Amino acid sequence: MNISSTSSGAAIESVLAAQQSSTQSKIAYAVAGKALDAQRSAGDAAVALIESAGQLGAALGKGAHLDTSG
Protein backbone atom coordinates (compact mmCIF):
# COMPACT_ATOMS: atom_id res chain seq x y z
CA MET A 1 0.00 0.00 0.00
CA ASN A 2 2.95 2.27 0.47
CA ILE A 3 3.69 2.29 -3.26
CA SER A 4 0.08 3.22 -4.08
CA SER A 5 -0.02 6.11 -1.63
CA THR A 6 3.35 7.34 -2.88
CA SER A 7 2.27 7.33 -6.51
CA SER A 8 -1.06 9.00 -5.72
CA GLY A 9 0.78 11.59 -3.62
CA ALA A 10 3.13 12.29 -6.52
CA ALA A 11 0.17 12.58 -8.88
CA ILE A 12 -1.54 15.06 -6.56
CA GLU A 13 1.66 17.07 -6.25
CA SER A 14 1.99 17.10 -10.02
CA VAL A 15 -1.58 18.37 -10.47
CA LEU A 16 -1.08 21.04 -7.81
CA ALA A 17 2.18 22.16 -9.43
CA ALA A 18 0.45 22.43 -12.81
CA GLN A 19 -2.38 24.48 -11.28
CA GLN A 20 0.10 26.76 -9.54
CA SER A 21 2.04 27.24 -12.76
CA SER A 22 -1.17 28.06 -14.63
CA THR A 23 -2.19 30.57 -11.96
CA GLN A 24 1.24 32.21 -12.03
CA SER A 25 1.07 32.49 -15.82
CA LYS A 26 -2.36 34.11 -15.64
CA ILE A 27 -1.13 36.60 -13.03
CA ALA A 28 1.99 37.43 -15.07
CA TYR A 29 -0.14 37.97 -18.17
CA ALA A 30 -2.54 40.27 -16.29
CA VAL A 31 0.34 42.29 -14.82
CA ALA A 32 1.95 42.63 -18.25
CA GLY A 33 -1.38 43.83 -19.64
CA LYS A 34 -1.66 46.48 -16.93
CA ALA A 35 1.91 47.62 -17.61
CA LEU A 36 1.13 47.90 -21.32
CA ASP A 37 -1.99 49.95 -20.57
CA ALA A 38 0.07 52.29 -18.38
CA GLN A 39 2.67 52.72 -21.13
CA ARG A 40 -0.05 53.48 -23.67
CA SER A 41 -1.54 56.10 -21.36
CA ALA A 42 1.86 57.69 -20.82
CA GLY A 43 2.50 57.70 -24.57
CA ASP A 44 -0.89 59.25 -25.29
CA ALA A 45 -0.22 61.96 -22.69
CA ALA A 46 3.20 62.70 -24.23
CA VAL A 47 1.69 62.99 -27.71
CA ALA A 48 -1.04 65.31 -26.41
CA LEU A 49 1.59 67.48 -24.71
CA ILE A 50 3.67 67.71 -27.89
CA GLU A 51 0.61 68.54 -29.98
CA SER A 52 -0.52 71.26 -27.57
CA ALA A 53 2.98 72.78 -27.51
CA GLY A 54 2.99 72.86 -31.31
CA GLN A 55 -0.42 74.54 -31.39
CA LEU A 56 0.67 77.12 -28.82
CA GLY A 57 3.81 77.93 -30.80
CA ALA A 58 1.78 78.34 -33.98
CA ALA A 59 -0.72 80.58 -32.20
CA LEU A 60 2.05 82.86 -30.95
CA GLY A 61 3.61 83.10 -34.40
CA LYS A 62 6.78 81.33 -33.30
CA GLY A 63 8.77 79.62 -36.00
CA ALA A 64 7.24 81.63 -38.83
CA HIS A 65 10.54 83.29 -39.73
CA LEU A 66 14.06 81.95 -39.56
CA ASP A 67 16.95 84.41 -39.44
CA THR A 68 19.98 82.67 -40.88
CA SER A 69 22.18 85.75 -41.07
CA GLY A 70 24.38 86.18 -38.10
PDB file of N, CA and C in Angstrom:
ATOM      1  N   MET A   1       0.823  -1.193   0.000  1.00  0.00           N
ATOM      2  CA  MET A   1       0.000   0.000   0.000  1.00  0.00           C
ATOM      3  C   MET A   1       0.864   1.253   0.000  1.00  0.00           C
ATOM      4  N   ASN A   2       2.065   1.121   0.423  1.00  0.00           N
ATOM      5  CA  ASN A   2       2.948   2.270   0.475  1.00  0.00           C
ATOM      6  C   ASN A   2       3.249   2.795  -0.924  1.00  0.00           C
ATOM      7  N   ILE A   3       3.407   1.891  -1.885  1.00  0.00           N
ATOM      8  CA  ILE A   3       3.690   2.293  -3.263  1.00  0.00           C
ATOM      9  C   ILE A   3       2.499   3.050  -3.842  1.00  0.00           C
ATOM     10  N   SER A   4       1.290   2.578  -3.567  1.00  0.00           N
ATOM     11  CA  SER A   4       0.083   3.216  -4.079  1.00  0.00           C
ATOM     12  C   SER A   4      -0.078   4.624  -3.522  1.00  0.00           C
ATOM     13  N   SER A   5       0.140   4.784  -2.231  1.00  0.00           N
ATOM     14  CA  SER A   5      -0.017   6.110  -1.632  1.00  0.00           C
ATOM     15  C   SER A   5       1.082   7.055  -2.107  1.00  0.00           C
ATOM     16  N   THR A   6       2.262   6.505  -2.373  1.00  0.00           N
ATOM     17  CA  THR A   6       3.346   7.343  -2.875  1.00  0.00           C
ATOM     18  C   THR A   6       3.052   7.821  -4.287  1.00  0.00           C
ATOM     19  N   SER A   7       2.556   6.931  -5.142  1.00  0.00           N
ATOM     20  CA  SER A   7       2.266   7.331  -6.515  1.00  0.00           C
ATOM     21  C   SER A   7       1.075   8.280  -6.573  1.00  0.00           C
ATOM     22  N   SER A   8       0.079   8.074  -5.723  1.00  0.00           N
ATOM     23  CA  SER A   8      -1.055   9.002  -5.723  1.00  0.00           C
ATOM     24  C   SER A   8      -0.634  10.345  -5.147  1.00  0.00           C
ATOM     25  N   GLY A   9       0.266  10.334  -4.173  1.00  0.00           N
ATOM     26  CA  GLY A   9       0.781  11.590  -3.623  1.00  0.00           C
ATOM     27  C   GLY A   9       1.570  12.357  -4.666  1.00  0.00           C
ATOM     28  N   ALA A  10       2.357  11.645  -5.455  1.00  0.00           N
ATOM     29  CA  ALA A  10       3.126  12.294  -6.520  1.00  0.00           C
ATOM     30  C   ALA A  10       2.198  12.846  -7.595  1.00  0.00           C
ATOM     31  N   ALA A  11       1.130  12.118  -7.882  1.00  0.00           N
ATOM     32  CA  ALA A  11       0.168  12.583  -8.880  1.00  0.00           C
ATOM     33  C   ALA A  11      -0.530  13.853  -8.396  1.00  0.00           C
ATOM     34  N   ILE A  12      -0.889  13.870  -7.129  1.00  0.00           N
ATOM     35  CA  ILE A  12      -1.538  15.057  -6.559  1.00  0.00           C
ATOM     36  C   ILE A  12      -0.583  16.242  -6.588  1.00  0.00           C
ATOM     37  N   GLU A  13       0.666  16.001  -6.217  1.00  0.00           N
ATOM     38  CA  GLU A  13       1.662  17.074  -6.248  1.00  0.00           C
ATOM     39  C   GLU A  13       1.860  17.595  -7.666  1.00  0.00           C
ATOM     40  N   SER A  14       1.828  16.702  -8.629  1.00  0.00           N
ATOM     41  CA  SER A  14       1.988  17.099 -10.025  1.00  0.00           C
ATOM     42  C   SER A  14       0.820  17.973 -10.482  1.00  0.00           C
ATOM     43  N   VAL A  15      -0.393  17.585 -10.109  1.00  0.00           N
ATOM     44  CA  VAL A  15      -1.576  18.370 -10.468  1.00  0.00           C
ATOM     45  C   VAL A  15      -1.528  19.736  -9.796  1.00  0.00           C
ATOM     46  N   LEU A  16      -1.166  19.771  -8.530  1.00  0.00           N
ATOM     47  CA  LEU A  16      -1.075  21.041  -7.808  1.00  0.00           C
ATOM     48  C   LEU A  16      -0.006  21.948  -8.413  1.00  0.00           C
ATOM     49  N   ALA A  17       1.111  21.369  -8.805  1.00  0.00           N
ATOM     50  CA  ALA A  17       2.176  22.158  -9.430  1.00  0.00           C
ATOM     51  C   ALA A  17       1.706  22.733 -10.763  1.00  0.00           C
ATOM     52  N   ALA A  18       0.969  21.947 -11.528  1.00  0.00           N
ATOM     53  CA  ALA A  18       0.445  22.430 -12.807  1.00  0.00           C
ATOM     54  C   ALA A  18      -0.556  23.558 -12.590  1.00  0.00           C
ATOM     55  N   GLN A  19      -1.412  23.419 -11.580  1.00  0.00           N
ATOM     56  CA  GLN A  19      -2.381  24.477 -11.278  1.00  0.00           C
ATOM     57  C   GLN A  19      -1.670  25.748 -10.830  1.00  0.00           C
ATOM     58  N   GLN A  20      -0.646  25.595 -10.006  1.00  0.00           N
ATOM     59  CA  GLN A  20       0.102  26.756  -9.536  1.00  0.00           C
ATOM     60  C   GLN A  20       0.801  27.449 -10.706  1.00  0.00           C
ATOM     61  N   SER A  21       1.371  26.675 -11.593  1.00  0.00           N
ATOM     62  CA  SER A  21       2.040  27.240 -12.764  1.00  0.00           C
ATOM     63  C   SER A  21       1.047  27.986 -13.647  1.00  0.00           C
ATOM     64  N   SER A  22      -0.131  27.414 -13.825  1.00  0.00           N
ATOM     65  CA  SER A  22      -1.167  28.059 -14.626  1.00  0.00           C
ATOM     66  C   SER A  22      -1.608  29.373 -13.990  1.00  0.00           C
ATOM     67  N   THR A  23      -1.786  29.357 -12.676  1.00  0.00           N
ATOM     68  CA  THR A  23      -2.187  30.573 -11.960  1.00  0.00           C
ATOM     69  C   THR A  23      -1.110  31.644 -12.068  1.00  0.00           C
ATOM     70  N   GLN A  24       0.143  31.247 -11.916  1.00  0.00           N
ATOM     71  CA  GLN A  24       1.242  32.212 -12.025  1.00  0.00           C
ATOM     72  C   GLN A  24       1.317  32.802 -13.428  1.00  0.00           C
ATOM     73  N   SER A  25       1.064  31.995 -14.436  1.00  0.00           N
ATOM     74  CA  SER A  25       1.071  32.490 -15.816  1.00  0.00           C
ATOM     75  C   SER A  25      -0.054  33.493 -16.038  1.00  0.00           C
ATOM     76  N   LYS A  26      -1.225  33.196 -15.497  1.00  0.00           N
ATOM     77  CA  LYS A  26      -2.358  34.113 -15.636  1.00  0.00           C
ATOM     78  C   LYS A  26      -2.070  35.441 -14.946  1.00  0.00           C
ATOM     79  N   ILE A  27      -1.466  35.381 -13.773  1.00  0.00           N
ATOM     80  CA  ILE A  27      -1.126  36.599 -13.035  1.00  0.00           C
ATOM     81  C   ILE A  27      -0.083  37.407 -13.803  1.00  0.00           C
ATOM     82  N   ALA A  28       0.938  36.742 -14.308  1.00  0.00           N
ATOM     83  CA  ALA A  28       1.986  37.434 -15.065  1.00  0.00           C
ATOM     84  C   ALA A  28       1.404  38.092 -16.312  1.00  0.00           C
ATOM     85  N   TYR A  29       0.493  37.419 -16.978  1.00  0.00           N
ATOM     86  CA  TYR A  29      -0.145  37.969 -18.173  1.00  0.00           C
ATOM     87  C   TYR A  29      -0.975  39.203 -17.819  1.00  0.00           C
ATOM     88  N   ALA A  30      -1.715  39.129 -16.713  1.00  0.00           N
ATOM     89  CA  ALA A  30      -2.535  40.268 -16.287  1.00  0.00           C
ATOM     90  C   ALA A  30      -1.664  41.462 -15.908  1.00  0.00           C
ATOM     91  N   VAL A  31      -0.574  41.206 -15.207  1.00  0.00           N
ATOM     92  CA  VAL A  31       0.339  42.287 -14.816  1.00  0.00           C
ATOM     93  C   VAL A  31       0.972  42.922 -16.056  1.00  0.00           C
ATOM     94  N   ALA A  32       1.369  42.102 -17.010  1.00  0.00           N
ATOM     95  CA  ALA A  32       1.951  42.629 -18.246  1.00  0.00           C
ATOM     96  C   ALA A  32       0.929  43.477 -19.004  1.00  0.00           C
ATOM     97  N   GLY A  33      -0.325  43.050 -18.997  1.00  0.00           N
ATOM     98  CA  GLY A  33      -1.377  43.828 -19.644  1.00  0.00           C
ATOM     99  C   GLY A  33      -1.566  45.183 -18.986  1.00  0.00           C
ATOM    100  N   LYS A  34      -1.532  45.209 -17.654  1.00  0.00           N
ATOM    101  CA  LYS A  34      -1.657  46.479 -16.925  1.00  0.00           C
ATOM    102  C   LYS A  34      -0.470  47.390 -17.222  1.00  0.00           C
ATOM    103  N   ALA A  35       0.716  46.825 -17.293  1.00  0.00           N
ATOM    104  CA  ALA A  35       1.909  47.623 -17.608  1.00  0.00           C
ATOM    105  C   ALA A  35       1.804  48.199 -19.016  1.00  0.00           C
ATOM    106  N   LEU A  36       1.306  47.416 -19.951  1.00  0.00           N
ATOM    107  CA  LEU A  36       1.129  47.895 -21.324  1.00  0.00           C
ATOM    108  C   LEU A  36       0.107  49.027 -21.373  1.00  0.00           C
ATOM    109  N   ASP A  37      -0.988  48.880 -20.626  1.00  0.00           N
ATOM    110  CA  ASP A  37      -1.992  49.946 -20.565  1.00  0.00           C
ATOM    111  C   ASP A  37      -1.392  51.232 -20.007  1.00  0.00           C
ATOM    112  N   ALA A  38      -0.570  51.113 -18.977  1.00  0.00           N
ATOM    113  CA  ALA A  38       0.066  52.293 -18.378  1.00  0.00           C
ATOM    114  C   ALA A  38       1.010  52.957 -19.371  1.00  0.00           C
ATOM    115  N   GLN A  39       1.761  52.167 -20.125  1.00  0.00           N
ATOM    116  CA  GLN A  39       2.673  52.723 -21.129  1.00  0.00           C
ATOM    117  C   GLN A  39       1.903  53.421 -22.243  1.00  0.00           C
ATOM    118  N   ARG A  40       0.782  52.836 -22.640  1.00  0.00           N
ATOM    119  CA  ARG A  40      -0.046  53.477 -23.672  1.00  0.00           C
ATOM    120  C   ARG A  40      -0.571  54.819 -23.175  1.00  0.00           C
ATOM    121  N   SER A  41      -1.032  54.847 -21.930  1.00  0.00           N
ATOM    122  CA  SER A  41      -1.544  56.098 -21.359  1.00  0.00           C
ATOM    123  C   SER A  41      -0.450  57.155 -21.296  1.00  0.00           C
ATOM    124  N   ALA A  42       0.739  56.752 -20.885  1.00  0.00           N
ATOM    125  CA  ALA A  42       1.860  57.694 -20.816  1.00  0.00           C
ATOM    126  C   ALA A  42       2.222  58.189 -22.215  1.00  0.00           C
ATOM    127  N   GLY A  43       2.209  57.313 -23.189  1.00  0.00           N
ATOM    128  CA  GLY A  43       2.498  57.703 -24.568  1.00  0.00           C
ATOM    129  C   GLY A  43       1.453  58.655 -25.119  1.00  0.00           C
ATOM    130  N   ASP A  44       0.184  58.360 -24.836  1.00  0.00           N
ATOM    131  CA  ASP A  44      -0.890  59.249 -25.286  1.00  0.00           C
ATOM    132  C   ASP A  44      -0.757  60.631 -24.654  1.00  0.00           C
ATOM    133  N   ALA A  45      -0.394  60.673 -23.379  1.00  0.00           N
ATOM    134  CA  ALA A  45      -0.215  61.957 -22.692  1.00  0.00           C
ATOM    135  C   ALA A  45       0.954  62.733 -23.291  1.00  0.00           C
ATOM    136  N   ALA A  46       2.033  62.038 -23.622  1.00  0.00           N
ATOM    137  CA  ALA A  46       3.196  62.702 -24.226  1.00  0.00           C
ATOM    138  C   ALA A  46       2.846  63.269 -25.600  1.00  0.00           C
ATOM    139  N   VAL A  47       2.104  62.509 -26.386  1.00  0.00           N
ATOM    140  CA  VAL A  47       1.692  62.985 -27.710  1.00  0.00           C
ATOM    141  C   VAL A  47       0.789  64.210 -27.574  1.00  0.00           C
ATOM    142  N   ALA A  48      -0.143  64.165 -26.628  1.00  0.00           N
ATOM    143  CA  ALA A  48      -1.038  65.308 -26.411  1.00  0.00           C
ATOM    144  C   ALA A  48      -0.247  66.543 -25.992  1.00  0.00           C
ATOM    145  N   LEU A  49       0.755  66.359 -25.154  1.00  0.00           N
ATOM    146  CA  LEU A  49       1.588  67.479 -24.712  1.00  0.00           C
ATOM    147  C   LEU A  49       2.362  68.080 -25.883  1.00  0.00           C
ATOM    148  N   ILE A  50       2.925  67.231 -26.720  1.00  0.00           N
ATOM    149  CA  ILE A  50       3.675  67.710 -27.889  1.00  0.00           C
ATOM    150  C   ILE A  50       2.748  68.449 -28.857  1.00  0.00           C
ATOM    151  N   GLU A  51       1.560  67.887 -29.080  1.00  0.00           N
ATOM    152  CA  GLU A  51       0.614  68.542 -29.981  1.00  0.00           C
ATOM    153  C   GLU A  51       0.176  69.897 -29.439  1.00  0.00           C
ATOM    154  N   SER A  52      -0.090  69.976 -28.139  1.00  0.00           N
ATOM    155  CA  SER A  52      -0.521  71.259 -27.573  1.00  0.00           C
ATOM    156  C   SER A  52       0.608  72.284 -27.609  1.00  0.00           C
ATOM    157  N   ALA A  53       1.843  71.853 -27.420  1.00  0.00           N
ATOM    158  CA  ALA A  53       2.978  72.775 -27.508  1.00  0.00           C
ATOM    159  C   ALA A  53       3.129  73.294 -28.934  1.00  0.00           C
ATOM    160  N   GLY A  54       2.917  72.445 -29.910  1.00  0.00           N
ATOM    161  CA  GLY A  54       2.986  72.861 -31.310  1.00  0.00           C
ATOM    162  C   GLY A  54       1.891  73.853 -31.655  1.00  0.00           C
ATOM    163  N   GLN A  55       0.696  73.625 -31.136  1.00  0.00           N
ATOM    164  CA  GLN A  55      -0.415  74.539 -31.389  1.00  0.00           C
ATOM    165  C   GLN A  55      -0.176  75.886 -30.718  1.00  0.00           C
ATOM    166  N   LEU A  56       0.379  75.879 -29.528  1.00  0.00           N
ATOM    167  CA  LEU A  56       0.670  77.121 -28.817  1.00  0.00           C
ATOM    168  C   LEU A  56       1.722  77.925 -29.566  1.00  0.00           C
ATOM    169  N   GLY A  57       2.764  77.252 -30.033  1.00  0.00           N
ATOM    170  CA  GLY A  57       3.807  77.932 -30.798  1.00  0.00           C
ATOM    171  C   GLY A  57       3.255  78.541 -32.073  1.00  0.00           C
ATOM    172  N   ALA A  58       2.380  77.829 -32.750  1.00  0.00           N
ATOM    173  CA  ALA A  58       1.779  78.343 -33.982  1.00  0.00           C
ATOM    174  C   ALA A  58       0.876  79.532 -33.677  1.00  0.00           C
ATOM    175  N   ALA A  59       0.172  79.487 -32.566  1.00  0.00           N
ATOM    176  CA  ALA A  59      -0.723  80.580 -32.197  1.00  0.00           C
ATOM    177  C   ALA A  59       0.058  81.842 -31.862  1.00  0.00           C
ATOM    178  N   LEU A  60       1.236  81.703 -31.312  1.00  0.00           N
ATOM    179  CA  LEU A  60       2.054  82.856 -30.950  1.00  0.00           C
ATOM    180  C   LEU A  60       2.894  83.367 -32.114  1.00  0.00           C
ATOM    181  N   GLY A  61       2.848  82.687 -33.240  1.00  0.00           N
ATOM    182  CA  GLY A  61       3.614  83.101 -34.405  1.00  0.00           C
ATOM    183  C   GLY A  61       5.068  82.676 -34.334  1.00  0.00           C
ATOM    184  N   LYS A  62       5.396  81.798 -33.427  1.00  0.00           N
ATOM    185  CA  LYS A  62       6.778  81.332 -33.304  1.00  0.00           C
ATOM    186  C   LYS A  62       7.109  80.398 -34.456  1.00  0.00           C
ATOM    187  N   GLY A  63       8.311  80.509 -34.947  1.00  0.00           N
ATOM    188  CA  GLY A  63       8.773  79.620 -35.999  1.00  0.00           C
ATOM    189  C   GLY A  63       8.335  80.034 -37.391  1.00  0.00           C
ATOM    190  N   ALA A  64       7.697  81.184 -37.513  1.00  0.00           N
ATOM    191  CA  ALA A  64       7.238  81.628 -38.827  1.00  0.00           C
ATOM    192  C   ALA A  64       8.397  82.145 -39.666  1.00  0.00           C
ATOM    193  N   HIS A  65       9.401  82.727 -39.012  1.00  0.00           N
ATOM    194  CA  HIS A  65      10.544  83.291 -39.730  1.00  0.00           C
ATOM    195  C   HIS A  65      11.834  82.738 -39.141  1.00  0.00           C
ATOM    196  N   LEU A  66      12.774  82.466 -39.996  1.00  0.00           N
ATOM    197  CA  LEU A  66      14.063  81.947 -39.560  1.00  0.00           C
ATOM    198  C   LEU A  66      15.148  82.898 -40.041  1.00  0.00           C
ATOM    199  N   ASP A  67      15.868  83.483 -39.114  1.00  0.00           N
ATOM    200  CA  ASP A  67      16.948  84.412 -39.443  1.00  0.00           C
ATOM    201  C   ASP A  67      18.243  83.613 -39.514  1.00  0.00           C
ATOM    202  N   THR A  68      18.747  83.440 -40.716  1.00  0.00           N
ATOM    203  CA  THR A  68      19.976  82.666 -40.882  1.00  0.00           C
ATOM    204  C   THR A  68      21.203  83.548 -41.020  1.00  0.00           C
ATOM    205  N   SER A  69      21.011  84.859 -41.024  1.00  0.00           N
ATOM    206  CA  SER A  69      22.181  85.746 -41.074  1.00  0.00           C
ATOM    207  C   SER A  69      22.638  86.002 -39.647  1.00  0.00           C
ATOM    208  N   GLY A  70      23.893  86.110 -39.451  1.00  0.00           N
ATOM    209  CA  GLY A  70      24.378  86.180 -38.098  1.00  0.00           C
ATOM    210  C   GLY A  70      24.879  87.480 -37.726  1.00  0.00           C
TER     211      GLY A  70
END
